[in-house]
Amino acid sequence: MNSDPIADYLTRIRNAIMAKHKVVAIPSSRLKKEITKILKEQGYIFDYKFEDNKDSSSQGKIMIALKYDKITKIAAISSIKRLSKPGLRNYVSSSKMPRVLNGLGISIVSTSKGVMTGKDAKKNNVGGEVICHVY
């Protein structure tokens, strides 16, 4: 039993990058799928694939292909940090949406209109729970 599955998701990605893995497998959930889609749209991962199990007892997996520079072998994600934790949730309004590295990184926010980047949440004038920062 994992008390914080999103922190586990981010830690698996962080550990795979430190070990220079090309692909990482992560247990699936709807929120993790949305975060993965945002990471792909923003260019932080190379690709992803959702593998749903036919067995109803397990939830399936997300296979994430990590992105590295071809010459220097440096990962596209240099830091991925969890902000809102189960013990201390971090909610912000659209006017107080955080900028990550002065606009070079992204914040992923769970809003009433779905999971989106902090920039999109500010543009749509919605606030929500800041899940993580990626840069």
Protein backbone atom coordinates (compact mmCIF):
# COMPACT_ATOMS: atom_id res chain seq x y z
CA MET A 1 0.00 0.00 0.00
CA ASN A 2 1.45 3.32 -1.09
CA SER A 3 0.30 6.44 0.76
CA ASP A 4 1.34 8.87 -2.00
CA PRO A 5 1.19 7.32 -5.49
CA ILE A 6 2.08 10.59 -7.26
CA ALA A 7 5.29 10.93 -5.23
CA ASP A 8 6.07 7.31 -6.14
CA TYR A 9 5.46 8.13 -9.84
CA LEU A 10 7.82 11.14 -9.71
CA THR A 11 10.45 9.18 -7.76
CA ARG A 12 10.42 6.34 -10.30
CA ILE A 13 11.04 8.85 -13.11
CA ARG A 14 13.78 10.60 -11.10
CA ASN A 15 15.51 7.29 -10.28
CA ALA A 16 15.30 6.07 -13.90
CA ILE A 17 16.92 9.29 -15.11
CA MET A 18 19.72 9.01 -12.54
CA ALA A 19 20.34 5.39 -13.64
CA LYS A 20 20.21 6.46 -17.34
CA HIS A 21 17.36 4.05 -18.18
CA LYS A 22 15.61 4.48 -21.52
CA VAL A 23 12.19 3.21 -20.37
CA VAL A 24 10.46 3.17 -16.99
CA ALA A 25 7.30 1.21 -16.07
CA ILE A 26 4.89 2.80 -13.60
CA PRO A 27 1.55 1.54 -12.21
CA SER A 28 -1.26 3.41 -13.92
CA SER A 29 -3.99 5.75 -12.67
CA ARG A 30 -6.04 8.47 -14.34
CA LEU A 31 -4.04 11.32 -12.73
CA LYS A 32 -0.71 9.73 -13.66
CA LYS A 33 -1.90 9.35 -17.28
CA GLU A 34 -2.79 13.06 -17.42
CA ILE A 35 0.58 14.08 -15.94
CA THR A 36 2.33 11.83 -18.49
CA LYS A 37 0.42 13.46 -21.37
CA ILE A 38 1.49 16.91 -20.15
CA LEU A 39 5.14 15.83 -19.89
CA LYS A 40 4.97 14.58 -23.50
CA GLU A 41 3.27 17.78 -24.77
CA GLN A 42 5.90 19.94 -23.09
CA GLY A 43 8.80 17.88 -24.48
CA TYR A 44 10.14 16.41 -21.22
CA ILE A 45 9.69 12.77 -22.25
CA PHE A 46 10.21 11.07 -25.61
CA ASP A 47 7.03 8.97 -25.70
CA TYR A 48 4.65 6.91 -23.56
CA LYS A 49 2.37 3.91 -23.89
CA PHE A 50 -0.55 2.87 -21.70
CA GLU A 51 -0.80 -0.89 -21.17
CA ASP A 52 -4.16 -1.82 -19.66
CA ASN A 53 -4.47 -5.27 -18.14
CA LYS A 54 -7.50 -7.33 -19.07
CA ASP A 55 -7.52 -8.67 -15.51
CA SER A 56 -9.81 -6.46 -13.41
CA SER A 57 -7.71 -6.87 -10.24
CA SER A 58 -4.72 -4.88 -11.54
CA GLN A 59 -4.68 -1.40 -12.98
CA GLY A 60 -2.24 -1.58 -15.89
CA LYS A 61 1.05 0.19 -16.51
CA ILE A 62 2.42 3.33 -18.08
CA MET A 63 5.58 2.75 -20.10
CA ILE A 64 7.51 6.04 -20.36
CA ALA A 65 10.42 6.47 -22.79
CA LEU A 66 12.72 9.06 -21.26
CA LYS A 67 14.31 11.79 -23.37
CA TYR A 68 18.07 12.40 -23.46
CA ASP A 69 20.30 14.68 -25.52
CA LYS A 70 21.94 12.68 -28.32
CA ILE A 71 25.44 14.10 -27.87
CA THR A 72 25.83 14.89 -24.17
CA LYS A 73 23.40 12.20 -22.87
CA ILE A 74 21.86 14.70 -20.46
CA ALA A 75 18.20 14.08 -19.57
CA ALA A 76 15.50 16.55 -20.61
CA ILE A 77 14.22 16.51 -17.00
CA SER A 78 16.85 17.92 -14.67
CA SER A 79 14.51 18.20 -11.69
CA ILE A 80 11.02 16.96 -10.87
CA LYS A 81 9.65 17.90 -7.44
CA ARG A 82 6.41 17.11 -5.63
CA LEU A 83 4.84 20.20 -4.04
CA SER A 84 1.41 19.27 -2.74
CA LYS A 85 1.61 16.30 -0.38
CA PRO A 86 -1.18 14.32 1.32
CA GLY A 87 -0.24 15.85 4.67
CA LEU A 88 -0.03 19.41 3.34
CA ARG A 89 -1.98 20.29 0.23
CA ASN A 90 -0.80 23.29 -1.80
CA TYR A 91 -3.67 25.21 -3.41
CA VAL A 92 -3.20 28.44 -5.35
CA SER A 93 -5.46 30.87 -7.15
CA SER A 94 -4.94 31.77 -10.79
CA SER A 95 -3.40 35.12 -9.84
CA LYS A 96 -0.81 33.45 -7.56
CA MET A 97 0.17 30.67 -9.98
CA PRO A 98 3.91 29.93 -9.49
CA ARG A 99 6.49 30.44 -12.24
CA VAL A 100 9.15 27.76 -12.38
CA LEU A 101 12.70 28.95 -13.11
CA ASN A 102 11.34 32.27 -14.36
CA GLY A 103 9.29 30.55 -17.06
CA LEU A 104 11.83 27.90 -18.15
CA GLY A 105 10.08 25.07 -16.28
CA ILE A 106 6.46 24.07 -15.80
CA SER A 107 4.17 23.51 -12.87
CA ILE A 108 1.48 20.85 -13.19
CA VAL A 109 -1.81 21.83 -11.58
CA SER A 110 -4.94 19.81 -10.86
CA THR A 111 -7.90 22.15 -11.44
CA SER A 112 -11.66 21.81 -11.63
CA LYS A 113 -11.26 21.78 -15.43
CA GLY A 114 -8.71 18.94 -15.40
CA VAL A 115 -4.95 18.58 -15.05
CA MET A 116 -2.98 21.28 -16.90
CA THR A 117 0.18 23.35 -16.75
CA GLY A 118 0.32 26.43 -14.54
CA LYS A 119 0.50 28.66 -17.62
CA ASP A 120 -2.72 27.14 -19.04
CA ALA A 121 -4.45 27.43 -15.66
CA LYS A 122 -3.54 31.12 -15.47
CA LYS A 123 -4.76 31.66 -19.04
CA ASN A 124 -8.08 29.89 -18.24
CA ASN A 125 -8.33 31.84 -14.97
CA VAL A 126 -8.64 28.75 -12.75
CA GLY A 127 -6.74 27.86 -9.62
CA GLY A 128 -6.10 24.47 -8.09
CA GLU A 129 -3.68 22.12 -6.40
CA VAL A 130 -0.05 22.42 -7.55
CA ILE A 131 1.06 18.82 -8.00
CA CYS A 132 4.69 19.27 -9.06
CA HIS A 133 7.35 21.41 -10.73
CA VAL A 134 9.37 20.11 -13.67
CA TYR A 135 12.45 21.66 -15.26
